[in-house]
Amino acid sequence: VQRRFNKADYTQLVTNRFSSHASESTLNRSNGNVVFFGAGALKKLQANDTSVTFVVHTMTGTYLDANGSFDADGNESRGSYELVAAVTRPASAPAPSGKSADKDKKDKKEMRAIVTGDADAFSDLVLMNAPANRLLLVDAARWLVGEESYSGEISSEEDVRIEHTKEKDVFWFYAT
């Protein structure tokens, strides 16, 4: 994305690489491009009982600019990096009274989090100008509260233009 028309624009990423995860189901079908301004890459750390799924990835030519020169220097390799992760972990709360802890998998609670390498992805500037970022936010919010079954395209409030033809106008003229 070009904003300043200099090398600083290299930090503004556009990607259309998404995984097939419930937190990004509509985004996968939209074929849109998500925009990140100065994003950092995410890295998976080993933790017990925690499941991390990376759902948004950079394009393959992206590099980590370690020295801030806006160029891929000799020690900065190009590749694909992770930008957004969906994290789940079983809740450690005891089972409700009267229920067995292993009765049904539906009763098992889990904690959910969406981790992004860029807070600007959900800023007013980006959300107003990048429809795919809106889908990213809405799908992630639906997944966080466990309502991923409601994911789908957002309806537009724009009125449909009514087209008049000469034949229809003549009919209505004589009919009145």
C-alpha atoms as a PDB file:
ATOM      1  CA  VAL A   1       0.000   0.000   0.000  1.00  0.00           C
ATOM      2  CA  GLN A   2       1.426   3.357  -0.949  1.00  0.00           C
ATOM      3  CA  ARG A   3       0.785   6.329   1.316  1.00  0.00           C
ATOM      4  CA  ARG A   4       4.030   8.296   1.536  1.00  0.00           C
ATOM      5  CA  PHE A   5       5.560   7.214  -1.805  1.00  0.00           C
ATOM      6  CA  ASN A   6       8.943   6.406  -0.253  1.00  0.00           C
ATOM      7  CA  LYS A   7      10.649   3.342   1.244  1.00  0.00           C
ATOM      8  CA  ALA A   8       8.597   3.627   4.444  1.00  0.00           C
ATOM      9  CA  ASP A   9       5.691   2.231   2.414  1.00  0.00           C
ATOM     10  CA  TYR A  10       7.455  -1.166   2.527  1.00  0.00           C
ATOM     11  CA  THR A  11       6.146  -1.597   6.087  1.00  0.00           C
ATOM     12  CA  GLN A  12       2.534  -1.491   4.884  1.00  0.00           C
ATOM     13  CA  LEU A  13       1.527  -5.013   3.930  1.00  0.00           C
ATOM     14  CA  VAL A  14      -1.339  -6.386   1.885  1.00  0.00           C
ATOM     15  CA  THR A  15      -2.173 -10.082   1.955  1.00  0.00           C
ATOM     16  CA  ASN A  16      -4.843 -12.470   0.780  1.00  0.00           C
ATOM     17  CA  ARG A  17      -3.373 -15.596   2.365  1.00  0.00           C
ATOM     18  CA  PHE A  18      -5.727 -17.029   4.993  1.00  0.00           C
ATOM     19  CA  SER A  19      -6.053 -20.441   6.582  1.00  0.00           C
ATOM     20  CA  SER A  20      -9.308 -22.362   6.775  1.00  0.00           C
ATOM     21  CA  HIS A  21     -10.255 -21.613  10.362  1.00  0.00           C
ATOM     22  CA  ALA A  22     -13.673 -20.828  11.811  1.00  0.00           C
ATOM     23  CA  SER A  23     -12.445 -17.365  12.840  1.00  0.00           C
ATOM     24  CA  GLU A  24     -11.906 -16.385   9.190  1.00  0.00           C
ATOM     25  CA  SER A  25     -14.598 -18.266   7.266  1.00  0.00           C
ATOM     26  CA  THR A  26     -16.164 -15.253   5.544  1.00  0.00           C
ATOM     27  CA  LEU A  27     -12.773 -13.737   4.824  1.00  0.00           C
ATOM     28  CA  ASN A  28     -11.754 -16.896   2.936  1.00  0.00           C
ATOM     29  CA  ARG A  29     -14.818 -16.670   0.682  1.00  0.00           C
ATOM     30  CA  SER A  30     -14.484 -12.934   0.033  1.00  0.00           C
ATOM     31  CA  ASN A  31     -11.195 -13.027  -1.924  1.00  0.00           C
ATOM     32  CA  GLY A  32     -10.342  -9.672  -0.350  1.00  0.00           C
ATOM     33  CA  ASN A  33      -7.017  -8.183   0.675  1.00  0.00           C
ATOM     34  CA  VAL A  34      -6.286  -7.443   4.329  1.00  0.00           C
ATOM     35  CA  VAL A  35      -4.095  -4.400   5.022  1.00  0.00           C
ATOM     36  CA  PHE A  36      -1.523  -4.115   7.832  1.00  0.00           C
ATOM     37  CA  PHE A  37       0.452  -0.940   8.617  1.00  0.00           C
ATOM     38  CA  GLY A  38       3.778  -1.789  10.252  1.00  0.00           C
ATOM     39  CA  ALA A  39       2.859  -5.292  11.375  1.00  0.00           C
ATOM     40  CA  GLY A  40       5.150  -7.546  13.335  1.00  0.00           C
ATOM     41  CA  ALA A  41       5.403 -11.286  12.768  1.00  0.00           C
ATOM     42  CA  LEU A  42       4.007 -13.738  15.304  1.00  0.00           C
ATOM     43  CA  LYS A  43       5.875 -16.799  16.495  1.00  0.00           C
ATOM     44  CA  LYS A  44       4.427 -19.846  18.226  1.00  0.00           C
ATOM     45  CA  LEU A  45       5.740 -20.604  21.709  1.00  0.00           C
ATOM     46  CA  GLN A  46       5.299 -23.996  23.335  1.00  0.00           C
ATOM     47  CA  ALA A  47       2.703 -23.978  26.105  1.00  0.00           C
ATOM     48  CA  ASN A  48       0.758 -26.796  27.718  1.00  0.00           C
ATOM     49  CA  ASP A  49      -2.884 -27.237  26.657  1.00  0.00           C
ATOM     50  CA  THR A  50      -2.752 -24.228  24.341  1.00  0.00           C
ATOM     51  CA  SER A  51      -3.680 -24.542  20.681  1.00  0.00           C
ATOM     52  CA  VAL A  52      -2.379 -21.860  18.323  1.00  0.00           C
ATOM     53  CA  THR A  53      -3.610 -21.669  14.736  1.00  0.00           C
ATOM     54  CA  PHE A  54      -2.175 -19.006  12.460  1.00  0.00           C
ATOM     55  CA  VAL A  55      -5.020 -17.671  10.327  1.00  0.00           C
ATOM     56  CA  VAL A  56      -3.471 -14.793   8.323  1.00  0.00           C
ATOM     57  CA  HIS A  57      -0.074 -15.064   6.636  1.00  0.00           C
ATOM     58  CA  THR A  58       2.078 -12.610   4.668  1.00  0.00           C
ATOM     59  CA  MET A  59       2.943 -13.022   1.018  1.00  0.00           C
ATOM     60  CA  THR A  60       6.071 -15.090   0.337  1.00  0.00           C
ATOM     61  CA  GLY A  61       8.313 -12.147  -0.557  1.00  0.00           C
ATOM     62  CA  THR A  62       8.018 -10.495   2.868  1.00  0.00           C
ATOM     63  CA  TYR A  63      11.064  -9.981   5.095  1.00  0.00           C
ATOM     64  CA  LEU A  64      11.625  -8.973   8.711  1.00  0.00           C
ATOM     65  CA  ASP A  65      13.372  -5.590   8.669  1.00  0.00           C
ATOM     66  CA  ALA A  66      15.567  -6.000  11.748  1.00  0.00           C
ATOM     67  CA  ASN A  67      17.636  -2.843  11.278  1.00  0.00           C
ATOM     68  CA  GLY A  68      14.893  -0.488  10.035  1.00  0.00           C
ATOM     69  CA  SER A  69      16.539   0.257   6.670  1.00  0.00           C
ATOM     70  CA  PHE A  70      13.364  -0.598   4.686  1.00  0.00           C
ATOM     71  CA  ASP A  71      15.477  -2.893   2.470  1.00  0.00           C
ATOM     72  CA  ALA A  72      16.127  -6.636   2.630  1.00  0.00           C
ATOM     73  CA  ASP A  73      19.764  -6.721   3.721  1.00  0.00           C
ATOM     74  CA  GLY A  74      21.997  -9.795   3.583  1.00  0.00           C
ATOM     75  CA  ASN A  75      20.899 -11.274   6.914  1.00  0.00           C
ATOM     76  CA  GLU A  76      17.151 -10.601   6.388  1.00  0.00           C
ATOM     77  CA  SER A  77      15.678 -13.525   4.474  1.00  0.00           C
ATOM     78  CA  ARG A  78      12.437 -13.371   2.515  1.00  0.00           C
ATOM     79  CA  GLY A  79       9.594 -15.719   3.305  1.00  0.00           C
ATOM     80  CA  SER A  80       6.059 -16.021   4.618  1.00  0.00           C
ATOM     81  CA  TYR A  81       5.337 -14.873   8.170  1.00  0.00           C
ATOM     82  CA  GLU A  82       2.367 -15.138  10.483  1.00  0.00           C
ATOM     83  CA  LEU A  83       0.246 -12.028  11.186  1.00  0.00           C
ATOM     84  CA  VAL A  84      -2.873 -13.221  13.048  1.00  0.00           C
ATOM     85  CA  ALA A  85      -3.342 -16.216  15.353  1.00  0.00           C
ATOM     86  CA  ALA A  86      -6.391 -17.861  16.893  1.00  0.00           C
ATOM     87  CA  VAL A  87      -5.517 -19.222  20.336  1.00  0.00           C
ATOM     88  CA  THR A  88      -7.611 -21.655  22.370  1.00  0.00           C
ATOM     89  CA  ARG A  89      -7.018 -23.159  25.762  1.00  0.00           C
ATOM     90  CA  PRO A  90      -9.264 -25.278  27.981  1.00  0.00           C
ATOM     91  CA  ALA A  91     -10.774 -23.335  30.844  1.00  0.00           C
ATOM     92  CA  SER A  92      -9.621 -24.532  34.234  1.00  0.00           C
ATOM     93  CA  ALA A  93     -12.953 -23.876  35.937  1.00  0.00           C
ATOM     94  CA  PRO A  94     -14.560 -26.873  37.632  1.00  0.00           C
ATOM     95  CA  ALA A  95     -17.609 -28.494  36.058  1.00  0.00           C
ATOM     96  CA  PRO A  96     -20.992 -27.081  37.141  1.00  0.00           C
ATOM     97  CA  SER A  97     -22.617 -28.881  40.072  1.00  0.00           C
ATOM     98  CA  GLY A  98     -24.525 -32.001  39.158  1.00  0.00           C
ATOM     99  CA  LYS A  99     -22.586 -32.544  35.903  1.00  0.00           C
ATOM    100  CA  SER A 100     -19.747 -34.900  35.234  1.00  0.00           C
ATOM    101  CA  ALA A 101     -16.550 -33.255  33.982  1.00  0.00           C
ATOM    102  CA  ASP A 102     -16.200 -35.687  31.084  1.00  0.00           C
ATOM    103  CA  LYS A 103     -19.923 -36.085  30.304  1.00  0.00           C
ATOM    104  CA  ASP A 104     -19.999 -34.253  27.024  1.00  0.00           C
ATOM    105  CA  LYS A 105     -17.493 -32.322  24.961  1.00  0.00           C
ATOM    106  CA  LYS A 106     -20.063 -29.568  24.466  1.00  0.00           C
ATOM    107  CA  ASP A 107     -19.923 -28.796  28.173  1.00  0.00           C
ATOM    108  CA  LYS A 108     -16.170 -28.265  28.110  1.00  0.00           C
ATOM    109  CA  LYS A 109     -15.392 -24.581  28.196  1.00  0.00           C
ATOM    110  CA  GLU A 110     -12.428 -23.046  26.466  1.00  0.00           C
ATOM    111  CA  MET A 111     -10.751 -19.680  26.489  1.00  0.00           C
ATOM    112  CA  ARG A 112     -10.302 -18.007  23.112  1.00  0.00           C
ATOM    113  CA  ALA A 113      -8.104 -15.165  21.936  1.00  0.00           C
ATOM    114  CA  ILE A 114      -7.244 -13.499  18.649  1.00  0.00           C
ATOM    115  CA  VAL A 115      -3.673 -12.230  18.528  1.00  0.00           C
ATOM    116  CA  THR A 116      -2.576  -9.853  15.786  1.00  0.00           C
ATOM    117  CA  GLY A 117       0.819  -8.414  14.988  1.00  0.00           C
ATOM    118  CA  ASP A 118      -0.674  -5.011  14.157  1.00  0.00           C
ATOM    119  CA  ALA A 119      -3.120  -2.920  16.163  1.00  0.00           C
ATOM    120  CA  ASP A 120      -3.615  -0.594  13.168  1.00  0.00           C
ATOM    121  CA  ALA A 121      -5.451  -3.369  11.305  1.00  0.00           C
ATOM    122  CA  PHE A 122      -8.566  -2.368  13.265  1.00  0.00           C
ATOM    123  CA  SER A 123      -8.111   1.412  13.262  1.00  0.00           C
ATOM    124  CA  ASP A 124     -10.732   3.757  11.822  1.00  0.00           C
ATOM    125  CA  LEU A 125      -8.590   4.584   8.772  1.00  0.00           C
ATOM    126  CA  VAL A 126      -8.153   0.955   7.785  1.00  0.00           C
ATOM    127  CA  LEU A 127     -11.672  -0.214   8.622  1.00  0.00           C
ATOM    128  CA  MET A 128     -13.206   2.576   6.531  1.00  0.00           C
ATOM    129  CA  ASN A 129     -11.037   1.862   3.481  1.00  0.00           C
ATOM    130  CA  ALA A 130     -10.404  -1.906   3.551  1.00  0.00           C
ATOM    131  CA  PRO A 131     -13.561  -4.049   3.527  1.00  0.00           C
ATOM    132  CA  ALA A 132     -11.565  -7.241   4.124  1.00  0.00           C
ATOM    133  CA  ASN A 133     -10.293  -5.847   7.439  1.00  0.00           C
ATOM    134  CA  ARG A 134     -13.908  -5.399   8.493  1.00  0.00           C
ATOM    135  CA  LEU A 135     -14.568  -9.053   7.683  1.00  0.00           C
ATOM    136  CA  LEU A 136     -11.461 -10.006   9.660  1.00  0.00           C
ATOM    137  CA  LEU A 137     -12.748  -8.112  12.689  1.00  0.00           C
ATOM    138  CA  VAL A 138     -16.343  -9.352  12.475  1.00  0.00           C
ATOM    139  CA  ASP A 139     -15.390 -12.992  11.887  1.00  0.00           C
ATOM    140  CA  ALA A 140     -12.865 -12.885  14.730  1.00  0.00           C
ATOM    141  CA  ALA A 141     -15.409 -11.341  17.111  1.00  0.00           C
ATOM    142  CA  ARG A 142     -18.002 -13.974  16.205  1.00  0.00           C
ATOM    143  CA  TRP A 143     -15.483 -16.751  16.786  1.00  0.00           C
ATOM    144  CA  LEU A 144     -14.431 -15.262  20.124  1.00  0.00           C
ATOM    145  CA  VAL A 145     -17.958 -15.421  21.520  1.00  0.00           C
ATOM    146  CA  GLY A 146     -18.630 -18.854  20.014  1.00  0.00           C
ATOM    147  CA  GLU A 147     -21.101 -17.709  17.370  1.00  0.00           C
ATOM    148  CA  GLU A 148     -19.153 -18.728  14.274  1.00  0.00           C
ATOM    149  CA  SER A 149     -22.334 -20.244  12.833  1.00  0.00           C
ATOM    150  CA  TYR A 150     -23.547 -16.677  12.213  1.00  0.00           C
ATOM    151  CA  SER A 151     -20.563 -15.787  10.036  1.00  0.00           C
ATOM    152  CA  GLY A 152     -21.403 -14.536   6.577  1.00  0.00           C
ATOM    153  CA  GLU A 153     -21.305 -11.525   4.334  1.00  0.00           C
ATOM    154  CA  ILE A 154     -22.340  -8.200   5.797  1.00  0.00           C
ATOM    155  CA  SER A 155     -25.424  -6.737   4.148  1.00  0.00           C
ATOM    156  CA  SER A 156     -25.117  -3.356   2.541  1.00  0.00           C
ATOM    157  CA  GLU A 157     -27.541  -0.591   3.473  1.00  0.00           C
ATOM    158  CA  GLU A 158     -27.246   0.947   0.018  1.00  0.00           C
ATOM    159  CA  ASP A 159     -30.533   1.294  -1.861  1.00  0.00           C
ATOM    160  CA  VAL A 160     -30.934  -0.618  -5.101  1.00  0.00           C
ATOM    161  CA  ARG A 161     -31.303   1.698  -8.065  1.00  0.00           C
ATOM    162  CA  ILE A 162     -34.694   1.454  -9.809  1.00  0.00           C
ATOM    163  CA  GLU A 163     -34.350   1.310 -13.571  1.00  0.00           C
ATOM    164  CA  HIS A 164     -37.245   2.626 -15.672  1.00  0.00           C
ATOM    165  CA  THR A 165     -37.740   1.520 -19.247  1.00  0.00           C
ATOM    166  CA  LYS A 166     -39.786   3.326 -21.840  1.00  0.00           C
ATOM    167  CA  GLU A 167     -42.199   0.385 -22.202  1.00  0.00           C
ATOM    168  CA  LYS A 168     -42.944   0.294 -18.469  1.00  0.00           C
ATOM    169  CA  ASP A 169     -43.365   4.072 -18.315  1.00  0.00           C
ATOM    170  CA  VAL A 170     -45.860   3.973 -21.186  1.00  0.00           C
ATOM    171  CA  PHE A 171     -47.834   1.231 -19.404  1.00  0.00           C
ATOM    172  CA  TRP A 172     -48.028   3.200 -16.156  1.00  0.00           C
ATOM    173  CA  PHE A 173     -48.919   6.438 -18.031  1.00  0.00           C
ATOM    174  CA  TYR A 174     -51.943   4.854 -19.770  1.00  0.00           C
ATOM    175  CA  ALA A 175     -52.872   2.759 -16.709  1.00  0.00           C
ATOM    176  CA  THR A 176     -53.348   5.869 -14.562  1.00  0.00           C
END
